[in-house]
Amino acid sequence: MNARVKELIQQLGEAIHESVSESDQIAGVVKDIREEGFDVLLMLEATIGLNEVEEDETVEGEEHDAGAGAPFTRNDVSFLKSLRITLPSEEDEPGS
């Protein structure tokens, strides 16, 4: 992973932290909990997953319409299959 991507991930983490820290709704709930006699320690964990995208990553011979005319990538097809979603061309295949 290059330095620029690491910097962007750091910025994303900081943005998430600031969003939580500045949330009026969270501050209000924390205040309510404290008024009930409890101290609050809020720890959040964010998992950031990256998948490098290649321009020619479409499934060979299986370009599917994604609404905007964009084909599905191998990752898209794999994700859909993990959710037990079949693609229109796969519904006609025997054994599907």
C-alpha atoms as a PDB file:
ATOM      1  CA  MET A   1       0.000   0.000   0.000  1.00  0.00           C
ATOM      2  CA  ASN A   2       1.492   3.335  -0.957  1.00  0.00           C
ATOM      3  CA  ALA A   3       1.977   6.315   1.338  1.00  0.00           C
ATOM      4  CA  ARG A   4      -0.887   8.295  -0.245  1.00  0.00           C
ATOM      5  CA  VAL A   5      -3.408   5.537   0.475  1.00  0.00           C
ATOM      6  CA  LYS A   6      -2.157   5.236   4.058  1.00  0.00           C
ATOM      7  CA  GLU A   7      -2.585   9.001   4.455  1.00  0.00           C
ATOM      8  CA  LEU A   8      -6.137   8.817   3.085  1.00  0.00           C
ATOM      9  CA  ILE A   9      -7.008   5.976   5.475  1.00  0.00           C
ATOM     10  CA  GLN A  10      -5.659   8.080   8.352  1.00  0.00           C
ATOM     11  CA  GLN A  11      -7.819  11.004   7.193  1.00  0.00           C
ATOM     12  CA  LEU A  12     -10.849   8.717   7.038  1.00  0.00           C
ATOM     13  CA  GLY A  13     -10.232   7.578  10.611  1.00  0.00           C
ATOM     14  CA  GLU A  14      -9.927  11.174  11.775  1.00  0.00           C
ATOM     15  CA  ALA A  15     -13.133  12.125   9.940  1.00  0.00           C
ATOM     16  CA  ILE A  16     -15.012   9.269  11.620  1.00  0.00           C
ATOM     17  CA  HIS A  17     -13.651  10.318  15.026  1.00  0.00           C
ATOM     18  CA  GLU A  18     -14.667  13.940  14.471  1.00  0.00           C
ATOM     19  CA  SER A  19     -18.150  12.898  13.318  1.00  0.00           C
ATOM     20  CA  VAL A  20     -18.726  10.930  16.500  1.00  0.00           C
ATOM     21  CA  SER A  21     -17.123  13.559  18.739  1.00  0.00           C
ATOM     22  CA  GLU A  22     -19.213  16.379  17.315  1.00  0.00           C
ATOM     23  CA  SER A  23     -22.515  14.524  17.199  1.00  0.00           C
ATOM     24  CA  ASP A  24     -25.181  16.349  19.195  1.00  0.00           C
ATOM     25  CA  GLN A  25     -27.234  13.171  19.372  1.00  0.00           C
ATOM     26  CA  ILE A  26     -24.375  11.147  20.882  1.00  0.00           C
ATOM     27  CA  ALA A  27     -23.534  13.969  23.282  1.00  0.00           C
ATOM     28  CA  GLY A  28     -27.164  14.097  24.403  1.00  0.00           C
ATOM     29  CA  VAL A  29     -27.368  10.381  25.094  1.00  0.00           C
ATOM     30  CA  VAL A  30     -24.033  10.425  26.958  1.00  0.00           C
ATOM     31  CA  LYS A  31     -25.345  13.320  29.067  1.00  0.00           C
ATOM     32  CA  ASP A  32     -28.526  11.359  29.842  1.00  0.00           C
ATOM     33  CA  ILE A  33     -26.488   8.316  30.912  1.00  0.00           C
ATOM     34  CA  ARG A  34     -24.334  10.498  33.181  1.00  0.00           C
ATOM     35  CA  GLU A  35     -27.469  11.990  34.730  1.00  0.00           C
ATOM     36  CA  GLU A  36     -28.481   8.419  35.618  1.00  0.00           C
ATOM     37  CA  GLY A  37     -25.272   8.138  37.660  1.00  0.00           C
ATOM     38  CA  PHE A  38     -22.963   6.370  35.242  1.00  0.00           C
ATOM     39  CA  ASP A  39     -19.689   7.389  33.656  1.00  0.00           C
ATOM     40  CA  VAL A  40     -19.408   6.695  29.938  1.00  0.00           C
ATOM     41  CA  LEU A  41     -16.446   5.279  28.082  1.00  0.00           C
ATOM     42  CA  LEU A  42     -17.169   5.060  24.370  1.00  0.00           C
ATOM     43  CA  MET A  43     -14.794   2.993  22.265  1.00  0.00           C
ATOM     44  CA  LEU A  44     -15.520   2.391  18.608  1.00  0.00           C
ATOM     45  CA  GLU A  45     -13.626   0.215  16.180  1.00  0.00           C
ATOM     46  CA  ALA A  46     -13.754   0.810  12.456  1.00  0.00           C
ATOM     47  CA  THR A  47     -12.606  -1.795   9.995  1.00  0.00           C
ATOM     48  CA  ILE A  48     -11.631  -0.371   6.645  1.00  0.00           C
ATOM     49  CA  GLY A  49     -11.266  -2.851   3.816  1.00  0.00           C
ATOM     50  CA  LEU A  50      -9.638  -1.927   0.557  1.00  0.00           C
ATOM     51  CA  ASN A  51      -9.853  -3.782  -2.708  1.00  0.00           C
ATOM     52  CA  GLU A  52      -7.699  -2.538  -5.555  1.00  0.00           C
ATOM     53  CA  VAL A  53      -9.828  -2.069  -8.654  1.00  0.00           C
ATOM     54  CA  GLU A  54      -8.459  -2.869 -12.070  1.00  0.00           C
ATOM     55  CA  GLU A  55     -10.117  -1.379 -15.124  1.00  0.00           C
ATOM     56  CA  ASP A  56     -10.386  -4.707 -17.016  1.00  0.00           C
ATOM     57  CA  GLU A  57     -11.686  -6.684 -14.066  1.00  0.00           C
ATOM     58  CA  THR A  58     -15.007  -7.675 -15.638  1.00  0.00           C
ATOM     59  CA  VAL A  59     -15.951 -11.308 -15.743  1.00  0.00           C
ATOM     60  CA  GLU A  60     -14.893 -12.646 -19.129  1.00  0.00           C
ATOM     61  CA  GLY A  61     -17.862 -13.294 -21.366  1.00  0.00           C
ATOM     62  CA  GLU A  62     -20.270 -12.258 -18.618  1.00  0.00           C
ATOM     63  CA  GLU A  63     -20.988  -8.571 -18.891  1.00  0.00           C
ATOM     64  CA  HIS A  64     -24.184  -7.851 -17.005  1.00  0.00           C
ATOM     65  CA  ASP A  65     -26.192  -4.658 -16.973  1.00  0.00           C
ATOM     66  CA  ALA A  66     -25.825  -2.980 -13.574  1.00  0.00           C
ATOM     67  CA  GLY A  67     -28.458  -0.346 -14.209  1.00  0.00           C
ATOM     68  CA  ALA A  68     -26.063   2.261 -15.589  1.00  0.00           C
ATOM     69  CA  GLY A  69     -24.656  -0.049 -18.256  1.00  0.00           C
ATOM     70  CA  ALA A  70     -21.592  -0.932 -16.177  1.00  0.00           C
ATOM     71  CA  PRO A  71     -20.579  -4.624 -16.122  1.00  0.00           C
ATOM     72  CA  PHE A  72     -20.139  -6.524 -12.886  1.00  0.00           C
ATOM     73  CA  THR A  73     -16.611  -7.192 -11.703  1.00  0.00           C
ATOM     74  CA  ARG A  74     -15.485 -10.593 -10.423  1.00  0.00           C
ATOM     75  CA  ASN A  75     -15.841  -9.186  -6.897  1.00  0.00           C
ATOM     76  CA  ASP A  76     -19.404  -8.073  -7.652  1.00  0.00           C
ATOM     77  CA  VAL A  77     -20.354 -11.527  -8.938  1.00  0.00           C
ATOM     78  CA  SER A  78     -18.685 -13.242  -5.983  1.00  0.00           C
ATOM     79  CA  PHE A  79     -20.480 -10.953  -3.509  1.00  0.00           C
ATOM     80  CA  LEU A  80     -23.854 -11.522  -5.157  1.00  0.00           C
ATOM     81  CA  LYS A  81     -23.318 -15.282  -5.105  1.00  0.00           C
ATOM     82  CA  SER A  82     -22.424 -15.114  -1.393  1.00  0.00           C
ATOM     83  CA  LEU A  83     -25.865 -13.552  -0.850  1.00  0.00           C
ATOM     84  CA  ARG A  84     -27.393 -16.355  -2.947  1.00  0.00           C
ATOM     85  CA  ILE A  85     -28.366 -13.916  -5.675  1.00  0.00           C
ATOM     86  CA  THR A  86     -28.226 -15.346  -9.173  1.00  0.00           C
ATOM     87  CA  LEU A  87     -27.582 -13.295 -12.257  1.00  0.00           C
ATOM     88  CA  PRO A  88     -30.089 -13.408 -15.136  1.00  0.00           C
ATOM     89  CA  SER A  89     -27.753 -15.380 -17.440  1.00  0.00           C
ATOM     90  CA  GLU A  90     -27.087 -17.927 -14.658  1.00  0.00           C
ATOM     91  CA  GLU A  91     -30.794 -18.622 -14.079  1.00  0.00           C
ATOM     92  CA  ASP A  92     -31.010 -20.327 -17.482  1.00  0.00           C
ATOM     93  CA  GLU A  93     -27.994 -22.581 -16.849  1.00  0.00           C
ATOM     94  CA  PRO A  94     -28.683 -26.152 -15.713  1.00  0.00           C
ATOM     95  CA  GLY A  95     -27.708 -26.911 -12.130  1.00  0.00           C
ATOM     96  CA  SER A  96     -28.188 -23.318 -10.940  1.00  0.00           C
END
